[in-house]
Structure formats: C-alpha cells, structure tokens
C-alpha cells in the first residue's frame, strides 16, 4: 500500500515564478532526488492548499501539469501518486531544456563578475549535494 507523504515545500512570495510553477518545480526536484518515491501518495489538493495557505485551484493546476508530464499518476477519487520512473521527455526536448537553462544561468551569472572556475565549483558542489540522495 502506498504511503501518503508530507510534501514539505515552501512558496516564496518574492519569487518571480508563479505559485503553480514553484509547486511544479519543487515536486519535480523531490522526485528527481528520490525524496518522493514511486507510489508515494501526495497530499490532497485541499490539504496542500491549506498547508501553503493558497487557493486549492492553484494546487490542482500544479498537480494536473505534473500528471500531464508523467511525474504523477492521477487516480480518480483516490488522489495523486508519484509515477513509475520513465523518460518523461524526448531526448531532443531534454537537450532543448538543458540549453535553455544553461543560457538563462549564464546570462544571470556572467554579469556578477565571478571567475568561471568559481562558478563551476559552486555548481559542482550543488550537484554533489543532490546526487548522494539520488544514488543512495
């Protein structure tokens, strides 16, 4: 039987991303780092909305987007569950998204004036913080 997990995420009011995007990004990261495992049941739409003090429609939109992308399985009348692992995007789409993310990152970081080796070290450090969770 699947376990219902507490979804410990936070919404940042100063974040330029819409709340739906913040929820989607947080759930994706928790799945990608194995904080959420296949078969885990997410909190109900109303439950998460109450926890985050936001409109339930916002949570419903985020869950629907995650289900459409293959991260979650929606089970009618029961709730949302973490889907079994599979490649959710085509190789071409993965490459496109990586290129887009790298371009955004570089455009944000270069004007800050850090040396490339310092930026690379910080990025590598952040990846090392996530990878042990993924491989454990």
Protein backbone atom coordinates (compact mmCIF):
# COMPACT_ATOMS: atom_id res chain seq x y z
CA UNK A 1 0.00 0.00 0.00
CA UNK A 2 1.26 3.45 -0.88
CA UNK A 3 2.25 5.80 1.86
CA UNK A 4 0.94 9.34 1.99
CA UNK A 5 3.90 11.65 2.35
CA UNK A 6 4.09 15.12 3.74
CA UNK A 7 5.06 17.47 0.97
CA UNK A 8 7.43 19.88 2.66
CA UNK A 9 7.66 22.71 0.18
CA UNK A 10 7.57 26.45 0.59
CA UNK A 11 6.16 29.18 -1.59
CA UNK A 12 8.27 32.33 -1.83
CA UNK A 13 6.24 35.48 -2.34
CA UNK A 14 9.28 37.29 -3.76
CA UNK A 15 9.92 34.57 -6.35
CA UNK A 16 9.23 35.81 -9.90
CA UNK A 17 7.82 32.38 -10.82
CA UNK A 18 4.06 31.91 -10.45
CA UNK A 19 2.97 29.79 -7.49
CA UNK A 20 1.92 26.95 -9.80
CA UNK A 21 5.44 26.87 -11.26
CA UNK A 22 7.02 26.89 -7.78
CA UNK A 23 4.93 23.86 -6.79
CA UNK A 24 5.68 22.00 -10.04
CA UNK A 25 9.41 22.70 -9.75
CA UNK A 26 9.52 21.65 -6.08
CA UNK A 27 7.69 18.36 -6.70
CA UNK A 28 9.85 17.57 -9.74
CA UNK A 29 13.00 18.13 -7.68
CA UNK A 30 11.74 15.93 -4.85
CA UNK A 31 11.01 13.13 -7.32
CA UNK A 32 14.31 13.59 -9.18
CA UNK A 33 16.29 13.40 -5.91
CA UNK A 34 14.25 10.44 -4.61
CA UNK A 35 12.76 12.38 -1.70
CA UNK A 36 9.50 11.18 -3.21
CA UNK A 37 9.47 7.58 -4.40
CA UNK A 38 7.32 5.82 -6.97
CA UNK A 39 3.95 5.01 -5.49
CA UNK A 40 4.07 7.68 -2.78
CA UNK A 41 0.74 9.44 -2.41
CA UNK A 42 0.86 13.21 -2.39
CA UNK A 43 -1.28 15.27 -0.02
CA UNK A 44 -4.77 16.05 -1.25
CA UNK A 45 -5.30 19.22 -3.23
CA UNK A 46 -7.13 20.80 -0.31
CA UNK A 47 -4.59 19.57 2.19
CA UNK A 48 -1.64 21.07 0.35
CA UNK A 49 -3.58 24.28 -0.32
CA UNK A 50 -4.27 24.64 3.40
CA UNK A 51 -0.64 23.90 4.26
CA UNK A 52 0.61 26.53 1.80
CA UNK A 53 -2.29 28.91 2.50
CA UNK A 54 -3.17 29.22 -1.18
CA UNK A 55 -6.21 28.60 -3.37
CA UNK A 56 -6.91 24.88 -4.00
CA UNK A 57 -7.27 25.64 -7.73
CA UNK A 58 -3.59 26.58 -7.79
CA UNK A 59 -2.58 23.20 -6.35
CA UNK A 60 -4.98 21.42 -8.70
CA UNK A 61 -3.33 23.15 -11.70
CA UNK A 62 0.15 22.16 -10.49
CA UNK A 63 -0.88 18.53 -9.90
CA UNK A 64 -2.58 18.41 -13.32
CA UNK A 65 0.57 19.72 -15.03
CA UNK A 66 2.73 17.17 -13.20
CA UNK A 67 0.33 14.40 -14.22
CA UNK A 68 0.33 15.56 -17.86
CA UNK A 69 4.14 15.50 -17.86
CA UNK A 70 4.20 11.97 -16.42
CA UNK A 71 5.57 12.80 -12.96
CA UNK A 72 2.31 11.90 -11.20
CA UNK A 73 -0.48 9.40 -11.73
CA UNK A 74 -3.97 10.71 -11.04
CA UNK A 75 -6.26 8.03 -9.61
CA UNK A 76 -9.89 9.04 -9.83
CA UNK A 77 -11.36 9.61 -6.39
CA UNK A 78 -8.20 8.48 -4.61
CA UNK A 79 -5.57 11.13 -5.27
CA UNK A 80 -2.21 11.72 -6.90
CA UNK A 81 0.70 9.30 -6.73
CA UNK A 82 4.32 9.52 -7.87
CA UNK A 83 4.51 7.74 -11.22
CA UNK A 84 6.90 4.93 -12.02
CA UNK A 85 10.25 6.15 -13.37
CA UNK A 86 10.43 6.56 -17.10
CA UNK A 87 11.87 9.02 -19.53
CA UNK A 88 9.28 11.75 -19.41
CA UNK A 89 10.70 13.87 -22.22
CA UNK A 90 12.20 13.05 -25.58
CA UNK A 91 15.97 13.34 -25.91
CA UNK A 92 15.50 16.38 -28.13
CA UNK A 93 13.25 18.09 -25.58
CA UNK A 94 15.67 17.29 -22.76
CA UNK A 95 18.51 18.84 -24.80
CA UNK A 96 16.40 21.90 -25.62
CA UNK A 97 15.52 22.45 -21.95
CA UNK A 98 19.14 22.00 -20.87
CA UNK A 99 20.30 24.53 -23.46
CA UNK A 100 17.61 26.97 -22.34
CA UNK A 101 18.52 26.56 -18.66
CA UNK A 102 22.24 26.96 -19.32
CA UNK A 103 21.60 30.10 -21.38
CA UNK A 104 19.49 31.61 -18.58
CA UNK A 105 22.09 30.66 -15.98
CA UNK A 106 24.99 32.10 -17.95
CA UNK A 107 23.12 35.33 -18.68
CA UNK A 108 22.33 35.71 -14.97
CA UNK A 109 25.81 34.81 -13.68
CA UNK A 110 28.27 36.42 -16.12
CA UNK A 111 27.29 39.99 -15.15
CA UNK A 112 28.05 39.14 -11.50
CA UNK A 113 31.75 39.00 -12.35
CA UNK A 114 32.69 35.65 -10.83
CA UNK A 115 35.59 33.70 -12.27
CA UNK A 116 34.48 30.70 -14.34
CA UNK A 117 36.31 28.24 -12.05
CA UNK A 118 34.45 29.60 -9.00
CA UNK A 119 31.09 29.27 -10.77
CA UNK A 120 31.94 25.72 -11.88
CA UNK A 121 32.98 24.79 -8.33
CA UNK A 122 29.73 26.09 -6.87
CA UNK A 123 27.61 24.29 -9.46
CA UNK A 124 29.57 21.06 -8.88
CA UNK A 125 29.06 21.45 -5.13
CA UNK A 126 25.29 21.83 -5.55
CA UNK A 127 25.15 18.73 -7.75
CA UNK A 128 27.13 16.75 -5.17
CA UNK A 129 24.59 17.79 -2.55
CA UNK A 130 21.78 16.25 -4.64
CA UNK A 131 23.48 13.19 -6.14
CA UNK A 132 24.03 11.24 -2.88
CA UNK A 133 20.27 11.31 -2.28
CA UNK A 134 19.67 10.01 -5.78
CA UNK A 135 22.15 7.11 -5.61
CA UNK A 136 21.58 6.02 -2.01
